Amino acid sequence: MDNKKQTKEQLLVEIIKLRNSHADWVSGDERRRKEFAKVFNWYQKQGVYGYQSELRMPSWEEIFTEIGKLLATKTFYDLDGNISEMDVRIENIKKP
């Protein structure tokens, strides 16, 4: 019977640890999403014309979509630079 009590007490300790860990993960998730909201300037919509100063909580899908757009834009500009660099090289090849 003493062995069962010890096991029950150990399980209660583990449950408390898991609850604390879960709370830390949730607060960390909210903190990260709020930081993304600051970076992307995402605020609560107040009405038709204005915005409130309170940040809105974006979904991870919104965040990843916005990051994907930024990466695609960066790739586009890099391609543009690469093309102009190739043009210069071709012109240099054409020169005697």
N, C-alpha and C. Protein backbone atom coordinates (compact mmCIF):
# COMPACT_ATOMS: atom_id res chain seq x y z
N MET A 1 0.81 -1.18 0.00
CA MET A 1 0.00 0.00 0.00
C MET A 1 0.87 1.26 0.00
N ASP A 2 1.97 1.22 0.69
CA ASP A 2 2.88 2.35 0.72
C ASP A 2 3.44 2.62 -0.68
N ASN A 3 3.66 1.53 -1.44
CA ASN A 3 4.18 1.65 -2.80
C ASN A 3 3.18 2.38 -3.70
N LYS A 4 1.87 2.12 -3.53
CA LYS A 4 0.85 2.80 -4.32
C LYS A 4 0.78 4.28 -3.97
N LYS A 5 0.93 4.61 -2.70
CA LYS A 5 0.92 6.01 -2.27
C LYS A 5 2.08 6.76 -2.91
N GLN A 6 3.22 6.14 -2.90
CA GLN A 6 4.40 6.77 -3.47
C GLN A 6 4.19 6.99 -4.97
N THR A 7 3.64 6.04 -5.65
CA THR A 7 3.38 6.16 -7.07
C THR A 7 2.37 7.28 -7.34
N LYS A 8 1.34 7.34 -6.52
CA LYS A 8 0.33 8.39 -6.68
C LYS A 8 0.96 9.76 -6.46
N GLU A 9 1.80 9.89 -5.45
CA GLU A 9 2.48 11.15 -5.18
C GLU A 9 3.42 11.52 -6.33
N GLN A 10 4.11 10.54 -6.86
CA GLN A 10 5.00 10.80 -8.00
C GLN A 10 4.20 11.27 -9.22
N LEU A 11 3.05 10.64 -9.43
CA LEU A 11 2.22 11.05 -10.55
C LEU A 11 1.70 12.47 -10.37
N LEU A 12 1.33 12.84 -9.16
CA LEU A 12 0.88 14.20 -8.90
C LEU A 12 1.99 15.21 -9.17
N VAL A 13 3.21 14.86 -8.77
CA VAL A 13 4.35 15.74 -9.04
C VAL A 13 4.55 15.88 -10.55
N GLU A 14 4.45 14.79 -11.29
CA GLU A 14 4.62 14.81 -12.75
C GLU A 14 3.52 15.64 -13.41
N ILE A 15 2.30 15.52 -12.91
CA ILE A 15 1.19 16.31 -13.45
C ILE A 15 1.45 17.80 -13.27
N ILE A 16 1.94 18.18 -12.10
CA ILE A 16 2.24 19.59 -11.83
C ILE A 16 3.34 20.08 -12.77
N LYS A 17 4.37 19.27 -12.97
CA LYS A 17 5.45 19.64 -13.89
C LYS A 17 4.92 19.82 -15.32
N LEU A 18 4.07 18.91 -15.76
CA LEU A 18 3.50 18.99 -17.10
C LEU A 18 2.61 20.22 -17.27
N ARG A 19 1.83 20.53 -16.26
CA ARG A 19 0.97 21.73 -16.32
C ARG A 19 1.82 22.99 -16.43
N ASN A 20 2.87 23.07 -15.65
CA ASN A 20 3.76 24.23 -15.72
C ASN A 20 4.44 24.32 -17.08
N SER A 21 4.88 23.19 -17.58
CA SER A 21 5.53 23.17 -18.90
C SER A 21 4.55 23.61 -19.99
N HIS A 22 3.32 23.12 -19.90
CA HIS A 22 2.30 23.49 -20.88
C HIS A 22 2.02 25.00 -20.82
N ALA A 23 1.92 25.53 -19.63
CA ALA A 23 1.67 26.97 -19.47
C ALA A 23 2.82 27.78 -20.06
N ASP A 24 4.05 27.31 -19.88
CA ASP A 24 5.20 28.00 -20.45
C ASP A 24 5.15 27.98 -21.98
N TRP A 25 4.77 26.83 -22.55
CA TRP A 25 4.68 26.72 -24.01
C TRP A 25 3.61 27.65 -24.55
N VAL A 26 2.47 27.71 -23.89
CA VAL A 26 1.37 28.56 -24.35
C VAL A 26 1.77 30.03 -24.27
N SER A 27 2.36 30.45 -23.17
CA SER A 27 2.75 31.85 -23.05
C SER A 27 3.86 32.19 -24.04
N GLY A 28 4.76 31.25 -24.30
CA GLY A 28 5.81 31.48 -25.29
C GLY A 28 5.23 31.61 -26.69
N ASP A 29 4.23 30.79 -27.00
CA ASP A 29 3.56 30.85 -28.30
C ASP A 29 2.89 32.21 -28.48
N GLU A 30 2.18 32.66 -27.48
CA GLU A 30 1.50 33.96 -27.56
C GLU A 30 2.51 35.09 -27.69
N ARG A 31 3.61 35.01 -26.97
CA ARG A 31 4.64 36.04 -27.04
C ARG A 31 5.23 36.11 -28.46
N ARG A 32 5.52 34.95 -29.05
CA ARG A 32 6.08 34.92 -30.40
C ARG A 32 5.09 35.51 -31.42
N ARG A 33 3.83 35.12 -31.31
CA ARG A 33 2.84 35.63 -32.26
C ARG A 33 2.65 37.14 -32.11
N LYS A 34 2.72 37.66 -30.88
CA LYS A 34 2.62 39.10 -30.68
C LYS A 34 3.82 39.83 -31.28
N GLU A 35 5.00 39.23 -31.19
CA GLU A 35 6.19 39.83 -31.80
C GLU A 35 6.03 39.90 -33.32
N PHE A 36 5.49 38.84 -33.92
CA PHE A 36 5.24 38.88 -35.36
C PHE A 36 4.21 39.96 -35.69
N ALA A 37 3.19 40.09 -34.85
CA ALA A 37 2.17 41.12 -35.07
C ALA A 37 2.80 42.51 -35.03
N LYS A 38 3.75 42.73 -34.13
CA LYS A 38 4.46 44.02 -34.08
C LYS A 38 5.24 44.26 -35.35
N VAL A 39 5.99 43.24 -35.78
CA VAL A 39 6.84 43.38 -36.96
C VAL A 39 6.00 43.67 -38.21
N PHE A 40 4.88 42.97 -38.35
CA PHE A 40 4.05 43.14 -39.54
C PHE A 40 2.98 44.23 -39.36
N ASN A 41 3.01 44.89 -38.20
CA ASN A 41 2.11 46.01 -37.94
C ASN A 41 0.63 45.59 -38.02
N TRP A 42 0.31 44.49 -37.36
CA TRP A 42 -1.05 43.97 -37.37
C TRP A 42 -1.77 44.40 -36.10
N TYR A 43 -2.71 45.35 -36.24
CA TYR A 43 -3.46 45.85 -35.10
C TYR A 43 -4.94 45.51 -35.26
N GLN A 44 -5.65 45.58 -34.14
CA GLN A 44 -7.09 45.34 -34.14
C GLN A 44 -7.78 46.38 -35.00
N LYS A 45 -8.75 45.96 -35.76
CA LYS A 45 -9.51 46.89 -36.57
C LYS A 45 -10.56 47.56 -35.68
N GLN A 46 -10.58 48.88 -35.69
CA GLN A 46 -11.50 49.62 -34.84
C GLN A 46 -12.83 49.85 -35.55
N GLY A 47 -12.76 50.23 -36.76
CA GLY A 47 -13.98 50.50 -37.52
C GLY A 47 -13.63 50.44 -38.99
N VAL A 48 -14.39 51.12 -39.77
CA VAL A 48 -14.16 51.11 -41.21
C VAL A 48 -12.87 51.82 -41.57
N TYR A 49 -12.53 52.90 -40.86
CA TYR A 49 -11.41 53.73 -41.26
C TYR A 49 -10.19 53.67 -40.35
N GLY A 50 -10.34 53.16 -39.14
CA GLY A 50 -9.23 53.25 -38.20
C GLY A 50 -8.83 51.93 -37.60
N TYR A 51 -7.73 51.98 -36.87
CA TYR A 51 -7.21 50.82 -36.16
C TYR A 51 -6.94 51.20 -34.72
N GLN A 52 -7.10 50.24 -33.83
CA GLN A 52 -6.79 50.46 -32.42
C GLN A 52 -5.30 50.23 -32.22
N SER A 53 -4.80 50.65 -31.07
CA SER A 53 -3.39 50.47 -30.77
C SER A 53 -3.10 49.07 -30.23
N GLU A 54 -4.13 48.26 -30.04
CA GLU A 54 -3.94 46.91 -29.50
C GLU A 54 -3.58 45.95 -30.63
N LEU A 55 -2.52 45.17 -30.39
CA LEU A 55 -2.12 44.18 -31.39
C LEU A 55 -3.14 43.06 -31.46
N ARG A 56 -3.37 42.55 -32.65
CA ARG A 56 -4.24 41.39 -32.77
C ARG A 56 -3.37 40.14 -32.76
N MET A 57 -3.95 39.03 -32.40
CA MET A 57 -3.22 37.77 -32.30
C MET A 57 -3.33 37.03 -33.63
N PRO A 58 -2.28 37.05 -34.45
CA PRO A 58 -2.35 36.38 -35.75
C PRO A 58 -2.25 34.86 -35.60
N SER A 59 -2.77 34.16 -36.58
CA SER A 59 -2.61 32.71 -36.58
C SER A 59 -1.25 32.38 -37.18
N TRP A 60 -0.78 31.17 -36.93
CA TRP A 60 0.50 30.77 -37.51
C TRP A 60 0.40 30.70 -39.02
N GLU A 61 -0.78 30.40 -39.56
CA GLU A 61 -0.96 30.37 -41.01
C GLU A 61 -0.73 31.75 -41.61
N GLU A 62 -1.27 32.80 -40.96
CA GLU A 62 -1.05 34.17 -41.42
C GLU A 62 0.43 34.53 -41.39
N ILE A 63 1.08 34.16 -40.31
CA ILE A 63 2.50 34.47 -40.15
C ILE A 63 3.31 33.78 -41.24
N PHE A 64 3.09 32.48 -41.46
CA PHE A 64 3.85 31.75 -42.47
C PHE A 64 3.56 32.27 -43.88
N THR A 65 2.31 32.67 -44.13
CA THR A 65 1.97 33.23 -45.43
C THR A 65 2.74 34.53 -45.67
N GLU A 66 2.78 35.38 -44.67
CA GLU A 66 3.49 36.66 -44.81
C GLU A 66 4.99 36.43 -44.99
N ILE A 67 5.55 35.50 -44.26
CA ILE A 67 6.97 35.19 -44.40
C ILE A 67 7.24 34.63 -45.81
N GLY A 68 6.33 33.78 -46.31
CA GLY A 68 6.47 33.25 -47.66
C GLY A 68 6.45 34.34 -48.71
N LYS A 69 5.58 35.33 -48.52
CA LYS A 69 5.53 36.47 -49.45
C LYS A 69 6.85 37.23 -49.44
N LEU A 70 7.39 37.45 -48.25
CA LEU A 70 8.67 38.16 -48.15
C LEU A 70 9.80 37.38 -48.80
N LEU A 71 9.82 36.08 -48.60
CA LEU A 71 10.86 35.25 -49.23
C LEU A 71 10.72 35.24 -50.74
N ALA A 72 9.48 35.20 -51.24
CA ALA A 72 9.26 35.22 -52.68
C ALA A 72 9.71 36.55 -53.27
N THR A 73 9.44 37.64 -52.58
CA THR A 73 9.87 38.96 -53.04
C THR A 73 11.39 39.04 -53.05
N LYS A 74 12.02 38.54 -52.02
CA LYS A 74 13.48 38.55 -51.95
C LYS A 74 14.07 37.75 -53.10
N THR A 75 13.51 36.59 -53.39
CA THR A 75 13.98 35.76 -54.49
C THR A 75 13.80 36.50 -55.81
N PHE A 76 12.68 37.19 -55.98
CA PHE A 76 12.44 37.94 -57.20
C PHE A 76 13.51 39.01 -57.39
N TYR A 77 13.81 39.76 -56.33
CA TYR A 77 14.82 40.80 -56.45
C TYR A 77 16.20 40.20 -56.69
N ASP A 78 16.49 39.07 -56.08
CA ASP A 78 17.76 38.40 -56.32
C ASP A 78 17.87 37.96 -57.77
N LEU A 79 16.77 37.45 -58.34
CA LEU A 79 16.78 37.05 -59.74
C LEU A 79 17.01 38.24 -60.65
N ASP A 80 16.40 39.35 -60.32
CA ASP A 80 16.59 40.56 -61.11
C ASP A 80 18.06 40.99 -61.10
N GLY A 81 18.68 40.93 -59.93
CA GLY A 81 20.10 41.27 -59.83
C GLY A 81 20.96 40.28 -60.59
N ASN A 82 20.62 39.00 -60.52
CA ASN A 82 21.38 37.99 -61.24
C ASN A 82 21.28 38.18 -62.75
N ILE A 83 20.11 38.55 -63.25
CA ILE A 83 19.93 38.77 -64.68
C ILE A 83 20.77 39.95 -65.15
N SER A 84 20.76 41.04 -64.40
CA SER A 84 21.57 42.19 -64.81
C SER A 84 23.06 41.86 -64.75
N GLU A 85 23.47 41.05 -63.79
CA GLU A 85 24.86 40.62 -63.72
C GLU A 85 25.23 39.76 -64.94
N MET A 86 24.32 38.90 -65.35
CA MET A 86 24.55 38.08 -66.55
C MET A 86 24.65 38.95 -67.79
N ASP A 87 23.81 39.99 -67.88
CA ASP A 87 23.87 40.91 -69.03
C ASP A 87 25.25 41.56 -69.12
N VAL A 88 25.79 41.98 -67.99
CA VAL A 88 27.12 42.60 -67.98
C VAL A 88 28.17 41.59 -68.44
N ARG A 89 28.08 40.37 -67.97
CA ARG A 89 29.03 39.33 -68.39
C ARG A 89 28.94 39.06 -69.88
N ILE A 90 27.73 39.01 -70.40
CA ILE A 90 27.55 38.77 -71.85
C ILE A 90 28.17 39.92 -72.64
N GLU A 91 27.93 41.14 -72.18
CA GLU A 91 28.53 42.30 -72.86
C GLU A 91 30.06 42.23 -72.83
N ASN A 92 30.62 41.78 -71.73
CA ASN A 92 32.07 41.65 -71.63
C ASN A 92 32.59 40.56 -72.56
N ILE A 93 31.83 39.50 -72.74
CA ILE A 93 32.22 38.43 -73.66
C ILE A 93 32.21 38.93 -75.10
N LYS A 94 31.21 39.76 -75.44
CA LYS A 94 31.08 40.28 -76.80
C LYS A 94 32.23 41.23 -77.15
N LYS A 95 32.81 41.91 -76.17
CA LYS A 95 33.89 42.85 -76.43
C LYS A 95 35.15 42.10 -76.85
N PRO A 96 35.88 42.64 -77.88
CA PRO A 96 37.11 41.96 -78.31
C PRO A 96 38.25 42.13 -77.34
